[in-house]
């Protein structure tokens, strides 16, 4: 990281800036290494009656840093994990088979009972 540069204005006052000399890559590397949290609440009210409340929480970090602090939801997310996708497909196949068996059972119950025994 570069030392904090100083700029001089017309009135000879010094203004210290913290980002001058840093590239976007340096800033991105620093953010991903340390992580950054952005939090906010949005509330819509009429008079003293709250109509809507939204809580926004955003964490930006590297995957390694997220794992380090205990955040790894993407590893078990069915839309992001290959194994979970397989399980979802198997589940859908089993549900389709179950539905077919239930329909077959309903049709057997609805069919009239006939006797195959012949009396002579």
PDB file of N, CA and C in Angstrom:
ATOM      1  N   UNK A   1       0.859  -1.181   0.000  1.00  0.00           N
ATOM      2  CA  UNK A   1       0.000   0.000   0.000  1.00  0.00           C
ATOM      3  C   UNK A   1       0.889   1.223   0.000  1.00  0.00           C
ATOM      4  N   UNK A   2       0.535   2.223  -0.741  1.00  0.00           N
ATOM      5  CA  UNK A   2       1.292   3.456  -0.824  1.00  0.00           C
ATOM      6  C   UNK A   2       1.076   4.290   0.422  1.00  0.00           C
ATOM      7  N   UNK A   3       2.041   5.116   0.730  1.00  0.00           N
ATOM      8  CA  UNK A   3       1.869   6.043   1.844  1.00  0.00           C
ATOM      9  C   UNK A   3       0.791   7.046   1.469  1.00  0.00           C
ATOM     10  N   UNK A   4       0.137   7.601   2.472  1.00  0.00           N
ATOM     11  CA  UNK A   4      -0.944   8.547   2.214  1.00  0.00           C
ATOM     12  C   UNK A   4      -0.373   9.804   1.589  1.00  0.00           C
ATOM     13  N   UNK A   5      -0.780  10.139   0.366  1.00  0.00           N
ATOM     14  CA  UNK A   5      -0.250  11.329  -0.302  1.00  0.00           C
ATOM     15  C   UNK A   5      -0.942  12.590   0.217  1.00  0.00           C
ATOM     16  N   UNK A   6      -0.301  13.665  -0.005  1.00  0.00           N
ATOM     17  CA  UNK A   6      -0.884  14.950   0.404  1.00  0.00           C
ATOM     18  C   UNK A   6      -0.914  15.865  -0.811  1.00  0.00           C
ATOM     19  N   UNK A   7      -1.958  16.663  -0.937  1.00  0.00           N
ATOM     20  CA  UNK A   7      -2.069  17.635  -2.021  1.00  0.00           C
ATOM     21  C   UNK A   7      -2.108  19.021  -1.411  1.00  0.00           C
ATOM     22  N   UNK A   8      -1.606  19.984  -2.146  1.00  0.00           N
ATOM     23  CA  UNK A   8      -1.601  21.362  -1.660  1.00  0.00           C
ATOM     24  C   UNK A   8      -2.577  22.170  -2.500  1.00  0.00           C
ATOM     25  N   UNK A   9      -3.412  22.951  -1.849  1.00  0.00           N
ATOM     26  CA  UNK A   9      -4.382  23.783  -2.561  1.00  0.00           C
ATOM     27  C   UNK A   9      -3.810  25.185  -2.718  1.00  0.00           C
ATOM     28  N   UNK A  10      -4.588  26.069  -3.352  1.00  0.00           N
ATOM     29  CA  UNK A  10      -4.145  27.442  -3.584  1.00  0.00           C
ATOM     30  C   UNK A  10      -3.843  28.173  -2.293  1.00  0.00           C
ATOM     31  N   UNK A  11      -4.568  27.864  -1.234  1.00  0.00           N
ATOM     32  CA  UNK A  11      -4.347  28.589   0.023  1.00  0.00           C
ATOM     33  C   UNK A  11      -3.270  27.915   0.875  1.00  0.00           C
ATOM     34  N   UNK A  12      -2.503  27.024   0.305  1.00  0.00           N
ATOM     35  CA  UNK A  12      -1.397  26.341   0.954  1.00  0.00           C
ATOM     36  C   UNK A  12      -1.833  25.440   2.111  1.00  0.00           C
ATOM     37  N   UNK A  13      -3.096  25.013   2.130  1.00  0.00           N
ATOM     38  CA  UNK A  13      -3.544  24.031   3.120  1.00  0.00           C
ATOM     39  C   UNK A  13      -3.304  22.647   2.529  1.00  0.00           C
ATOM     40  N   UNK A  14      -3.024  21.693   3.348  1.00  0.00           N
ATOM     41  CA  UNK A  14      -2.777  20.343   2.893  1.00  0.00           C
ATOM     42  C   UNK A  14      -4.023  19.495   3.116  1.00  0.00           C
ATOM     43  N   UNK A  15      -4.439  18.819   2.058  1.00  0.00           N
ATOM     44  CA  UNK A  15      -5.572  17.909   2.132  1.00  0.00           C
ATOM     45  C   UNK A  15      -5.031  16.499   1.952  1.00  0.00           C
ATOM     46  N   UNK A  16      -5.312  15.658   2.909  1.00  0.00           N
ATOM     47  CA  UNK A  16      -4.827  14.278   2.853  1.00  0.00           C
ATOM     48  C   UNK A  16      -5.893  13.397   2.224  1.00  0.00           C
ATOM     49  N   UNK A  17      -5.479  12.593   1.246  1.00  0.00           N
ATOM     50  CA  UNK A  17      -6.409  11.659   0.604  1.00  0.00           C
ATOM     51  C   UNK A  17      -5.906  10.249   0.825  1.00  0.00           C
ATOM     52  N   UNK A  18      -6.840   9.327   0.995  1.00  0.00           N
ATOM     53  CA  UNK A  18      -6.432   7.952   1.284  1.00  0.00           C
ATOM     54  C   UNK A  18      -6.462   7.050   0.060  1.00  0.00           C
ATOM     55  N   UNK A  19      -7.121   7.460  -1.008  1.00  0.00           N
ATOM     56  CA  UNK A  19      -7.237   6.582  -2.169  1.00  0.00           C
ATOM     57  C   UNK A  19      -6.335   6.975  -3.324  1.00  0.00           C
ATOM     58  N   UNK A  20      -5.731   8.128  -3.257  1.00  0.00           N
ATOM     59  CA  UNK A  20      -4.875   8.537  -4.371  1.00  0.00           C
ATOM     60  C   UNK A  20      -3.683   7.597  -4.427  1.00  0.00           C
ATOM     61  N   UNK A  21      -3.353   7.130  -5.595  1.00  0.00           N
ATOM     62  CA  UNK A  21      -2.229   6.220  -5.771  1.00  0.00           C
ATOM     63  C   UNK A  21      -2.670   4.762  -5.717  1.00  0.00           C
ATOM     64  N   UNK A  22      -3.863   4.476  -5.255  1.00  0.00           N
ATOM     65  CA  UNK A  22      -4.362   3.108  -5.230  1.00  0.00           C
ATOM     66  C   UNK A  22      -5.120   2.844  -6.522  1.00  0.00           C
ATOM     67  N   UNK A  23      -4.883   1.698  -7.082  1.00  0.00           N
ATOM     68  CA  UNK A  23      -5.629   1.317  -8.273  1.00  0.00           C
ATOM     69  C   UNK A  23      -6.900   0.596  -7.850  1.00  0.00           C
ATOM     70  N   UNK A  24      -7.785   0.412  -8.780  1.00  0.00           N
ATOM     71  CA  UNK A  24      -9.019  -0.320  -8.510  1.00  0.00           C
ATOM     72  C   UNK A  24      -8.700  -1.729  -8.024  1.00  0.00           C
ATOM     73  N   UNK A  25      -7.678  -2.342  -8.584  1.00  0.00           N
ATOM     74  CA  UNK A  25      -7.280  -3.687  -8.167  1.00  0.00           C
ATOM     75  C   UNK A  25      -6.835  -3.700  -6.710  1.00  0.00           C
ATOM     76  N   UNK A  26      -6.097  -2.654  -6.280  1.00  0.00           N
ATOM     77  CA  UNK A  26      -5.667  -2.563  -4.879  1.00  0.00           C
ATOM     78  C   UNK A  26      -6.861  -2.447  -3.946  1.00  0.00           C
ATOM     79  N   UNK A  27      -7.810  -1.606  -4.303  1.00  0.00           N
ATOM     80  CA  UNK A  27      -8.996  -1.408  -3.467  1.00  0.00           C
ATOM     81  C   UNK A  27      -9.823  -2.695  -3.417  1.00  0.00           C
ATOM     82  N   UNK A  28     -10.013  -3.349  -4.570  1.00  0.00           N
ATOM     83  CA  UNK A  28     -10.767  -4.587  -4.619  1.00  0.00           C
ATOM     84  C   UNK A  28     -10.092  -5.676  -3.797  1.00  0.00           C
ATOM     85  N   UNK A  29      -8.781  -5.780  -3.897  1.00  0.00           N
ATOM     86  CA  UNK A  29      -8.040  -6.770  -3.116  1.00  0.00           C
ATOM     87  C   UNK A  29      -8.208  -6.518  -1.625  1.00  0.00           C
ATOM     88  N   UNK A  30      -8.153  -5.265  -1.212  1.00  0.00           N
ATOM     89  CA  UNK A  30      -8.310  -4.905   0.191  1.00  0.00           C
ATOM     90  C   UNK A  30      -9.716  -5.239   0.687  1.00  0.00           C
ATOM     91  N   UNK A  31     -10.739  -4.927  -0.124  1.00  0.00           N
ATOM     92  CA  UNK A  31     -12.125  -5.207   0.267  1.00  0.00           C
ATOM     93  C   UNK A  31     -12.353  -6.705   0.375  1.00  0.00           C
ATOM     94  N   UNK A  32     -11.873  -7.479  -0.601  1.00  0.00           N
ATOM     95  CA  UNK A  32     -12.082  -8.923  -0.564  1.00  0.00           C
ATOM     96  C   UNK A  32     -11.293  -9.580   0.551  1.00  0.00           C
ATOM     97  N   UNK A  33     -10.140  -9.041   0.893  1.00  0.00           N
ATOM     98  CA  UNK A  33      -9.331  -9.603   1.972  1.00  0.00           C
ATOM     99  C   UNK A  33      -9.965  -9.343   3.336  1.00  0.00           C
ATOM    100  N   UNK A  34     -10.419  -8.143   3.554  1.00  0.00           N
ATOM    101  CA  UNK A  34     -10.988  -7.763   4.852  1.00  0.00           C
ATOM    102  C   UNK A  34     -12.489  -7.996   4.898  1.00  0.00           C
ATOM    103  N   UNK A  35     -13.169  -7.795   3.779  1.00  0.00           N
ATOM    104  CA  UNK A  35     -14.631  -7.874   3.745  1.00  0.00           C
ATOM    105  C   UNK A  35     -15.226  -6.513   4.058  1.00  0.00           C
ATOM    106  N   UNK A  36     -16.454  -6.323   3.622  1.00  0.00           N
ATOM    107  CA  UNK A  36     -17.154  -5.072   3.892  1.00  0.00           C
ATOM    108  C   UNK A  36     -18.625  -5.416   4.107  1.00  0.00           C
ATOM    109  N   UNK A  37     -19.234  -4.765   5.070  1.00  0.00           N
ATOM    110  CA  UNK A  37     -20.646  -4.988   5.375  1.00  0.00           C
ATOM    111  C   UNK A  37     -21.389  -3.685   5.144  1.00  0.00           C
ATOM    112  N   UNK A  38     -22.490  -3.777   4.409  1.00  0.00           N
ATOM    113  CA  UNK A  38     -23.361  -2.624   4.188  1.00  0.00           C
ATOM    114  C   UNK A  38     -24.722  -3.009   4.758  1.00  0.00           C
ATOM    115  N   UNK A  39     -25.231  -2.192   5.651  1.00  0.00           N
ATOM    116  CA  UNK A  39     -26.508  -2.498   6.293  1.00  0.00           C
ATOM    117  C   UNK A  39     -27.406  -1.276   6.224  1.00  0.00           C
ATOM    118  N   UNK A  40     -28.694  -1.516   6.093  1.00  0.00           N
ATOM    119  CA  UNK A  40     -29.626  -0.401   6.064  1.00  0.00           C
ATOM    120  C   UNK A  40     -31.047  -0.867   6.279  1.00  0.00           C
ATOM    121  N   UNK A  41     -31.878   0.024   6.745  1.00  0.00           N
ATOM    122  CA  UNK A  41     -33.297  -0.243   6.945  1.00  0.00           C
ATOM    123  C   UNK A  41     -34.104   0.774   6.152  1.00  0.00           C
ATOM    124  N   UNK A  42     -35.141   0.297   5.498  1.00  0.00           N
ATOM    125  CA  UNK A  42     -36.047   1.183   4.774  1.00  0.00           C
ATOM    126  C   UNK A  42     -37.424   1.003   5.399  1.00  0.00           C
ATOM    127  N   UNK A  43     -38.045   2.095   5.739  1.00  0.00           N
ATOM    128  CA  UNK A  43     -39.359   2.030   6.371  1.00  0.00           C
ATOM    129  C   UNK A  43     -40.292   3.021   5.691  1.00  0.00           C
ATOM    130  N   UNK A  44     -41.497   2.554   5.339  1.00  0.00           N
ATOM    131  CA  UNK A  44     -42.505   3.411   4.732  1.00  0.00           C
ATOM    132  C   UNK A  44     -43.643   3.532   5.740  1.00  0.00           C
ATOM    133  N   UNK A  45     -43.944   4.754   6.145  1.00  0.00           N
ATOM    134  CA  UNK A  45     -44.983   4.987   7.147  1.00  0.00           C
ATOM    135  C   UNK A  45     -45.920   6.088   6.691  1.00  0.00           C
ATOM    136  N   UNK A  46     -47.157   5.979   7.139  1.00  0.00           N
ATOM    137  CA  UNK A  46     -48.135   7.037   6.961  1.00  0.00           C
ATOM    138  C   UNK A  46     -48.566   7.425   8.370  1.00  0.00           C
ATOM    139  N   UNK A  47     -48.256   8.646   8.741  1.00  0.00           N
ATOM    140  CA  UNK A  47     -48.522   9.059  10.116  1.00  0.00           C
ATOM    141  C   UNK A  47     -47.657   8.226  11.052  1.00  0.00           C
ATOM    142  N   UNK A  48     -48.267   7.590  12.020  1.00  0.00           N
ATOM    143  CA  UNK A  48     -47.507   6.737  12.931  1.00  0.00           C
ATOM    144  C   UNK A  48     -47.690   5.264  12.594  1.00  0.00           C
ATOM    145  N   UNK A  49     -48.311   4.955  11.457  1.00  0.00           N
ATOM    146  CA  UNK A  49     -48.547   3.573  11.052  1.00  0.00           C
ATOM    147  C   UNK A  49     -47.489   3.145  10.037  1.00  0.00           C
ATOM    148  N   UNK A  50     -46.712   2.125  10.404  1.00  0.00           N
ATOM    149  CA  UNK A  50     -45.685   1.616   9.501  1.00  0.00           C
ATOM    150  C   UNK A  50     -46.334   0.670   8.501  1.00  0.00           C
ATOM    151  N   UNK A  51     -46.179   0.963   7.223  1.00  0.00           N
ATOM    152  CA  UNK A  51     -46.767   0.147   6.169  1.00  0.00           C
ATOM    153  C   UNK A  51     -45.814  -0.923   5.646  1.00  0.00           C
ATOM    154  N   UNK A  52     -44.550  -0.585   5.584  1.00  0.00           N
ATOM    155  CA  UNK A  52     -43.569  -1.486   4.995  1.00  0.00           C
ATOM    156  C   UNK A  52     -42.230  -1.278   5.675  1.00  0.00           C
ATOM    157  N   UNK A  53     -41.569  -2.381   5.968  1.00  0.00           N
ATOM    158  CA  UNK A  53     -40.232  -2.307   6.553  1.00  0.00           C
ATOM    159  C   UNK A  53     -39.341  -3.305   5.834  1.00  0.00           C
ATOM    160  N   UNK A  54     -38.217  -2.840   5.332  1.00  0.00           N
ATOM    161  CA  UNK A  54     -37.272  -3.687   4.609  1.00  0.00           C
ATOM    162  C   UNK A  54     -35.910  -3.550   5.268  1.00  0.00           C
ATOM    163  N   UNK A  55     -35.312  -4.693   5.589  1.00  0.00           N
ATOM    164  CA  UNK A  55     -33.956  -4.692   6.152  1.00  0.00           C
ATOM    165  C   UNK A  55     -33.007  -5.205   5.079  1.00  0.00           C
ATOM    166  N   UNK A  56     -31.983  -4.453   4.820  1.00  0.00           N
ATOM    167  CA  UNK A  56     -31.010  -4.803   3.787  1.00  0.00           C
ATOM    168  C   UNK A  56     -29.662  -5.038   4.454  1.00  0.00           C
ATOM    169  N   UNK A  57     -29.087  -6.200   4.196  1.00  0.00           N
ATOM    170  CA  UNK A  57     -27.766  -6.533   4.709  1.00  0.00           C
ATOM    171  C   UNK A  57     -26.946  -7.082   3.541  1.00  0.00           C
ATOM    172  N   UNK A  58     -25.780  -6.552   3.342  1.00  0.00           N
ATOM    173  CA  UNK A  58     -24.929  -6.969   2.235  1.00  0.00           C
ATOM    174  C   UNK A  58     -23.523  -7.183   2.754  1.00  0.00           C
ATOM    175  N   UNK A  59     -22.964  -8.341   2.470  1.00  0.00           N
ATOM    176  CA  UNK A  59     -21.593  -8.657   2.849  1.00  0.00           C
ATOM    177  C   UNK A  59     -20.813  -8.930   1.575  1.00  0.00           C
ATOM    178  N   UNK A  60     -19.732  -8.234   1.396  1.00  0.00           N
ATOM    179  CA  UNK A  60     -18.862  -8.449   0.246  1.00  0.00           C
ATOM    180  C   UNK A  60     -17.527  -8.936   0.792  1.00  0.00           C
ATOM    181  N   UNK A  61     -17.123 -10.133   0.366  1.00  0.00           N
ATOM    182  CA  UNK A  61     -15.845 -10.684   0.811  1.00  0.00           C
ATOM    183  C   UNK A  61     -15.416 -11.765  -0.167  1.00  0.00           C
ATOM    184  N   UNK A  62     -14.222 -12.268   0.027  1.00  0.00           N
ATOM    185  CA  UNK A  62     -13.768 -13.392  -0.780  1.00  0.00           C
ATOM    186  C   UNK A  62     -14.405 -14.665  -0.239  1.00  0.00           C
ATOM    187  N   UNK A  63     -14.382 -15.722  -1.029  1.00  0.00           N
ATOM    188  CA  UNK A  63     -14.939 -17.000  -0.596  1.00  0.00           C
ATOM    189  C   UNK A  63     -14.193 -17.505   0.629  1.00  0.00           C
ATOM    190  N   UNK A  64     -12.876 -17.389   0.628  1.00  0.00           N
ATOM    191  CA  UNK A  64     -12.084 -17.855   1.772  1.00  0.00           C
ATOM    192  C   UNK A  64     -12.440 -17.098   3.041  1.00  0.00           C
ATOM    193  N   UNK A  65     -12.596 -15.795   2.940  1.00  0.00           N
ATOM    194  CA  UNK A  65     -12.944 -14.981   4.106  1.00  0.00           C
ATOM    195  C   UNK A  65     -14.348 -15.328   4.591  1.00  0.00           C
ATOM    196  N   UNK A  66     -15.287 -15.545   3.664  1.00  0.00           N
ATOM    197  CA  UNK A  66     -16.651 -15.915   4.049  1.00  0.00           C
ATOM    198  C   UNK A  66     -16.652 -17.243   4.796  1.00  0.00           C
ATOM    199  N   UNK A  67     -15.907 -18.220   4.295  1.00  0.00           N
ATOM    200  CA  UNK A  67     -15.813 -19.514   4.995  1.00  0.00           C
ATOM    201  C   UNK A  67     -15.194 -19.329   6.374  1.00  0.00           C
ATOM    202  N   UNK A  68     -14.200 -18.475   6.447  1.00  0.00           N
ATOM    203  CA  UNK A  68     -13.511 -18.221   7.717  1.00  0.00           C
ATOM    204  C   UNK A  68     -14.472 -17.679   8.775  1.00  0.00           C
ATOM    205  N   UNK A  69     -15.435 -16.859   8.368  1.00  0.00           N
ATOM    206  CA  UNK A  69     -16.380 -16.300   9.333  1.00  0.00           C
ATOM    207  C   UNK A  69     -17.662 -17.122   9.432  1.00  0.00           C
ATOM    208  N   UNK A  70     -17.693 -18.284   8.762  1.00  0.00           N
ATOM    209  CA  UNK A  70     -18.802 -19.217   8.922  1.00  0.00           C
ATOM    210  C   UNK A  70     -19.948 -19.060   7.951  1.00  0.00           C
ATOM    211  N   UNK A  71     -19.723 -18.412   6.839  1.00  0.00           N
ATOM    212  CA  UNK A  71     -20.775 -18.243   5.836  1.00  0.00           C
ATOM    213  C   UNK A  71     -20.421 -19.126   4.645  1.00  0.00           C
ATOM    214  N   UNK A  72     -21.260 -20.140   4.402  1.00  0.00           N
ATOM    215  CA  UNK A  72     -21.010 -21.043   3.272  1.00  0.00           C
ATOM    216  C   UNK A  72     -22.314 -21.582   2.693  1.00  0.00           C
ATOM    217  N   UNK A  73     -23.335 -20.761   2.637  1.00  0.00           N
ATOM    218  CA  UNK A  73     -24.658 -21.190   2.180  1.00  0.00           C
ATOM    219  C   UNK A  73     -24.649 -21.709   0.752  1.00  0.00           C
ATOM    220  N   UNK A  74     -23.760 -21.256  -0.071  1.00  0.00           N
ATOM    221  CA  UNK A  74     -23.741 -21.647  -1.480  1.00  0.00           C
ATOM    222  C   UNK A  74     -23.344 -23.112  -1.642  1.00  0.00           C
ATOM    223  N   UNK A  75     -22.703 -23.702  -0.626  1.00  0.00           N
ATOM    224  CA  UNK A  75     -22.284 -25.094  -0.737  1.00  0.00           C
ATOM    225  C   UNK A  75     -23.464 -26.050  -0.659  1.00  0.00           C
ATOM    226  N   UNK A  76     -24.566 -25.644  -0.025  1.00  0.00           N
ATOM    227  CA  UNK A  76     -25.737 -26.510   0.081  1.00  0.00           C
ATOM    228  C   UNK A  76     -26.931 -25.980  -0.706  1.00  0.00           C
ATOM    229  N   UNK A  77     -26.748 -24.916  -1.444  1.00  0.00           N
ATOM    230  CA  UNK A  77     -27.838 -24.357  -2.248  1.00  0.00           C
ATOM    231  C   UNK A  77     -28.110 -25.279  -3.431  1.00  0.00           C
ATOM    232  N   UNK A  78     -29.372 -25.747  -3.576  1.00  0.00           N
ATOM    233  CA  UNK A  78     -29.668 -26.695  -4.649  1.00  0.00           C
ATOM    234  C   UNK A  78     -29.397 -26.160  -6.048  1.00  0.00           C
ATOM    235  N   UNK A  79     -29.438 -24.864  -6.230  1.00  0.00           N
ATOM    236  CA  UNK A  79     -29.226 -24.301  -7.559  1.00  0.00           C
ATOM    237  C   UNK A  79     -27.753 -24.069  -7.858  1.00  0.00           C
ATOM    238  N   UNK A  80     -26.894 -24.211  -6.862  1.00  0.00           N
ATOM    239  CA  UNK A  80     -25.467 -23.971  -7.074  1.00  0.00           C
ATOM    240  C   UNK A  80     -24.623 -25.230  -6.913  1.00  0.00           C
ATOM    241  N   UNK A  81     -25.144 -26.242  -6.269  1.00  0.00           N
ATOM    242  CA  UNK A  81     -24.388 -27.456  -5.992  1.00  0.00           C
ATOM    243  C   UNK A  81     -24.763 -28.549  -6.986  1.00  0.00           C
ATOM    244  N   UNK A  82     -23.792 -29.214  -7.577  1.00  0.00           N
ATOM    245  CA  UNK A  82     -24.038 -30.287  -8.529  1.00  0.00           C
ATOM    246  C   UNK A  82     -24.732 -31.473  -7.888  1.00  0.00           C
ATOM    247  N   UNK A  83     -24.324 -31.854  -6.686  1.00  0.00           N
ATOM    248  CA  UNK A  83     -24.935 -32.983  -5.995  1.00  0.00           C
ATOM    249  C   UNK A  83     -26.387 -32.661  -5.641  1.00  0.00           C
ATOM    250  N   UNK A  84     -26.642 -31.448  -5.226  1.00  0.00           N
ATOM    251  CA  UNK A  84     -28.002 -31.057  -4.881  1.00  0.00           C
ATOM    252  C   UNK A  84     -28.891 -31.081  -6.117  1.00  0.00           C
ATOM    253  N   UNK A  85     -28.351 -30.735  -7.273  1.00  0.00           N
ATOM    254  CA  UNK A  85     -29.136 -30.804  -8.515  1.00  0.00           C
ATOM    255  C   UNK A  85     -29.539 -32.246  -8.814  1.00  0.00           C
ATOM    256  N   UNK A  86     -28.605 -33.171  -8.609  1.00  0.00           N
ATOM    257  CA  UNK A  86     -28.906 -34.583  -8.812  1.00  0.00           C
ATOM    258  C   UNK A  86     -30.017 -35.024  -7.867  1.00  0.00           C
ATOM    259  N   UNK A  87     -29.947 -34.619  -6.614  1.00  0.00           N
ATOM    260  CA  UNK A  87     -30.965 -34.976  -5.640  1.00  0.00           C
ATOM    261  C   UNK A  87     -32.318 -34.403  -6.031  1.00  0.00           C
ATOM    262  N   UNK A  88     -32.338 -33.183  -6.543  1.00  0.00           N
ATOM    263  CA  UNK A  88     -33.601 -32.587  -6.983  1.00  0.00           C
ATOM    264  C   UNK A  88     -34.196 -33.363  -8.151  1.00  0.00           C
ATOM    265  N   UNK A  89     -33.359 -33.769  -9.101  1.00  0.00           N
ATOM    266  CA  UNK A  89     -33.850 -34.542 -10.248  1.00  0.00           C
ATOM    267  C   UNK A  89     -34.403 -35.886  -9.793  1.00  0.00           C
ATOM    268  N   UNK A  90     -33.697 -36.565  -8.885  1.00  0.00           N
ATOM    269  CA  UNK A  90     -34.171 -37.840  -8.354  1.00  0.00           C
ATOM    270  C   UNK A  90     -35.484 -37.648  -7.616  1.00  0.00           C
ATOM    271  N   UNK A  91     -35.588 -36.590  -6.849  1.00  0.00           N
ATOM    272  CA  UNK A  91     -36.817 -36.294  -6.114  1.00  0.00           C
ATOM    273  C   UNK A  91     -37.978 -36.084  -7.083  1.00  0.00           C
ATOM    274  N   UNK A  92     -37.758 -35.344  -8.158  1.00  0.00           N
ATOM    275  CA  UNK A  92     -38.815 -35.108  -9.145  1.00  0.00           C
ATOM    276  C   UNK A  92     -39.252 -36.414  -9.815  1.00  0.00           C
ATOM    277  N   UNK A  93     -38.275 -37.291 -10.126  1.00  0.00           N
ATOM    278  CA  UNK A  93     -38.609 -38.583 -10.725  1.00  0.00           C
ATOM    279  C   UNK A  93     -39.447 -39.425  -9.766  1.00  0.00           C
ATOM    280  N   UNK A  94     -39.064 -39.444  -8.495  1.00  0.00           N
ATOM    281  CA  UNK A  94     -39.809 -40.212  -7.503  1.00  0.00           C
ATOM    282  C   UNK A  94     -41.219 -39.655  -7.308  1.00  0.00           C
ATOM    283  N   UNK A  95     -41.346 -38.342  -7.327  1.00  0.00           N
ATOM    284  CA  UNK A  95     -42.680 -37.743  -7.208  1.00  0.00           C
ATOM    285  C   UNK A  95     -43.559 -38.115  -8.406  1.00  0.00           C
ATOM    286  N   UNK A  96     -42.981 -38.135  -9.596  1.00  0.00           N
ATOM    287  CA  UNK A  96     -43.743 -38.518 -10.787  1.00  0.00           C
ATOM    288  C   UNK A  96     -44.171 -39.982 -10.700  1.00  0.00           C
ATOM    289  N   UNK A  97     -43.285 -40.869 -10.236  1.00  0.00           N
ATOM    290  CA  UNK A  97     -43.640 -42.276 -10.071  1.00  0.00           C
ATOM    291  C   UNK A  97     -44.732 -42.450  -9.033  1.00  0.00           C
ATOM    292  N   UNK A  98     -44.636 -41.732  -7.931  1.00  0.00           N
ATOM    293  CA  UNK A  98     -45.645 -41.806  -6.878  1.00  0.00           C
ATOM    294  C   UNK A  98     -46.999 -41.339  -7.392  1.00  0.00           C
ATOM    295  N   UNK A  99     -47.009 -40.256  -8.144  1.00  0.00           N
ATOM    296  CA  UNK A  99     -48.254 -39.748  -8.715  1.00  0.00           C
ATOM    297  C   UNK A  99     -48.870 -40.782  -9.662  1.00  0.00           C
ATOM    298  N   UNK A 100     -48.038 -41.448 -10.478  1.00  0.00           N
ATOM    299  CA  UNK A 100     -48.527 -42.491 -11.376  1.00  0.00           C
ATOM    300  C   UNK A 100     -49.126 -43.658 -10.608  1.00  0.00           C
ATOM    301  N   UNK A 101     -48.465 -44.084  -9.532  1.00  0.00           N
ATOM    302  CA  UNK A 101     -48.992 -45.179  -8.713  1.00  0.00           C
ATOM    303  C   UNK A 101     -50.298 -44.802  -8.034  1.00  0.00           C
ATOM    304  N   UNK A 102     -50.383 -43.556  -7.566  1.00  0.00           N
ATOM    305  CA  UNK A 102     -51.627 -43.101  -6.933  1.00  0.00           C
ATOM    306  C   UNK A 102     -52.771 -43.072  -7.945  1.00  0.00           C
ATOM    307  N   UNK A 103     -52.505 -42.620  -9.156  1.00  0.00           N
ATOM    308  CA  UNK A 103     -53.536 -42.603 -10.201  1.00  0.00           C
ATOM    309  C   UNK A 103     -53.981 -44.025 -10.554  1.00  0.00           C
ATOM    310  N   UNK A 104     -53.018 -44.951 -10.624  1.00  0.00           N
ATOM    311  CA  UNK A 104     -53.353 -46.341 -10.914  1.00  0.00           C
ATOM    312  C   UNK A 104     -54.203 -46.941  -9.800  1.00  0.00           C
ATOM    313  N   UNK A 105     -53.875 -46.625  -8.552  1.00  0.00           N
ATOM    314  CA  UNK A 105     -54.655 -47.120  -7.421  1.00  0.00           C
ATOM    315  C   UNK A 105     -56.074 -46.561  -7.450  1.00  0.00           C
ATOM    316  N   UNK A 106     -56.220 -45.283  -7.776  1.00  0.00           N
ATOM    317  CA  UNK A 106     -57.549 -44.674  -7.884  1.00  0.00           C
ATOM    318  C   UNK A 106     -58.372 -45.357  -8.966  1.00  0.00           C
ATOM    319  N   UNK A 107     -57.761 -45.654 -10.105  1.00  0.00           N
ATOM    320  CA  UNK A 107     -58.498 -46.296 -11.186  1.00  0.00           C
ATOM    321  C   UNK A 107     -58.884 -47.724 -10.811  1.00  0.00           C
ATOM    322  N   UNK A 108     -58.060 -48.434 -10.056  1.00  0.00           N
ATOM    323  CA  UNK A 108     -58.406 -49.777  -9.598  1.00  0.00           C
ATOM    324  C   UNK A 108     -59.558 -49.738  -8.607  1.00  0.00           C
ATOM    325  N   UNK A 109     -59.567 -48.728  -7.742  1.00  0.00           N
ATOM    326  CA  UNK A 109     -60.653 -48.600  -6.772  1.00  0.00           C
ATOM    327  C   UNK A 109     -61.970 -48.238  -7.462  1.00  0.00           C
ATOM    328  N   UNK A 110     -61.907 -47.500  -8.527  1.00  0.00           N
ATOM    329  CA  UNK A 110     -63.105 -47.045  -9.232  1.00  0.00           C
ATOM    330  C   UNK A 110     -63.665 -48.113 -10.164  1.00  0.00           C
ATOM    331  N   UNK A 111     -62.859 -49.074 -10.547  1.00  0.00           N
ATOM    332  CA  UNK A 111     -63.318 -50.121 -11.472  1.00  0.00           C
ATOM    333  C   UNK A 111     -64.309 -51.030 -10.760  1.00  0.00           C
ATOM    334  N   UNK A 112     -65.351 -51.492 -11.479  1.00  0.00           N
ATOM    335  CA  UNK A 112     -66.322 -52.406 -10.857  1.00  0.00           C
ATOM    336  C   UNK A 112     -65.672 -53.752 -10.551  1.00  0.00           C
ATOM    337  N   UNK A 113     -66.114 -54.354  -9.462  1.00  0.00           N
ATOM    338  CA  UNK A 113     -65.563 -55.640  -9.050  1.00  0.00           C
ATOM    339  C   UNK A 113     -66.238 -56.727  -9.882  1.00  0.00           C
ATOM    340  N   UNK A 114     -65.450 -57.532 -10.555  1.00  0.00           N
ATOM    341  CA  UNK A 114     -65.973 -58.639 -11.339  1.00  0.00           C
ATOM    342  C   UNK A 114     -65.417 -59.927 -10.780  1.00  0.00           C
ATOM    343  N   UNK A 115     -66.160 -60.958 -10.902  1.00  0.00           N
ATOM    344  CA  UNK A 115     -65.730 -62.250 -10.388  1.00  0.00           C
ATOM    345  C   UNK A 115     -65.314 -63.127 -11.559  1.00  0.00           C
ATOM    346  N   UNK A 116     -64.201 -63.748 -11.436  1.00  0.00           N
ATOM    347  CA  UNK A 116     -63.711 -64.652 -12.476  1.00  0.00           C
ATOM    348  C   UNK A 116     -64.159 -66.087 -12.214  1.00  0.00           C
ATOM    349  N   UNK A 117     -64.821 -66.321 -11.107  1.00  0.00           N
ATOM    350  CA  UNK A 117     -65.224 -67.669 -10.743  1.00  0.00           C
ATOM    351  C   UNK A 117     -66.532 -68.006 -11.461  1.00  0.00           C
ATOM    352  N   UNK A 118     -66.544 -69.107 -12.124  1.00  0.00           N
ATOM    353  CA  UNK A 118     -67.767 -69.553 -12.829  1.00  0.00           C
ATOM    354  C   UNK A 118     -68.357 -70.741 -12.079  1.00  0.00           C
ATOM    355  N   UNK A 119     -69.648 -70.673 -11.885  1.00  0.00           N
ATOM    356  CA  UNK A 119     -70.323 -71.773 -11.194  1.00  0.00           C
ATOM    357  C   UNK A 119     -71.046 -72.602 -12.255  1.00  0.00           C
ATOM    358  N   UNK A 120     -70.828 -73.897 -12.292  1.00  0.00           N
ATOM    359  CA  UNK A 120     -71.467 -74.788 -13.283  1.00  0.00           C
ATOM    360  C   UNK A 120     -72.677 -75.433 -12.725  1.00  0.00           C
TER     361      UNK A 120
END
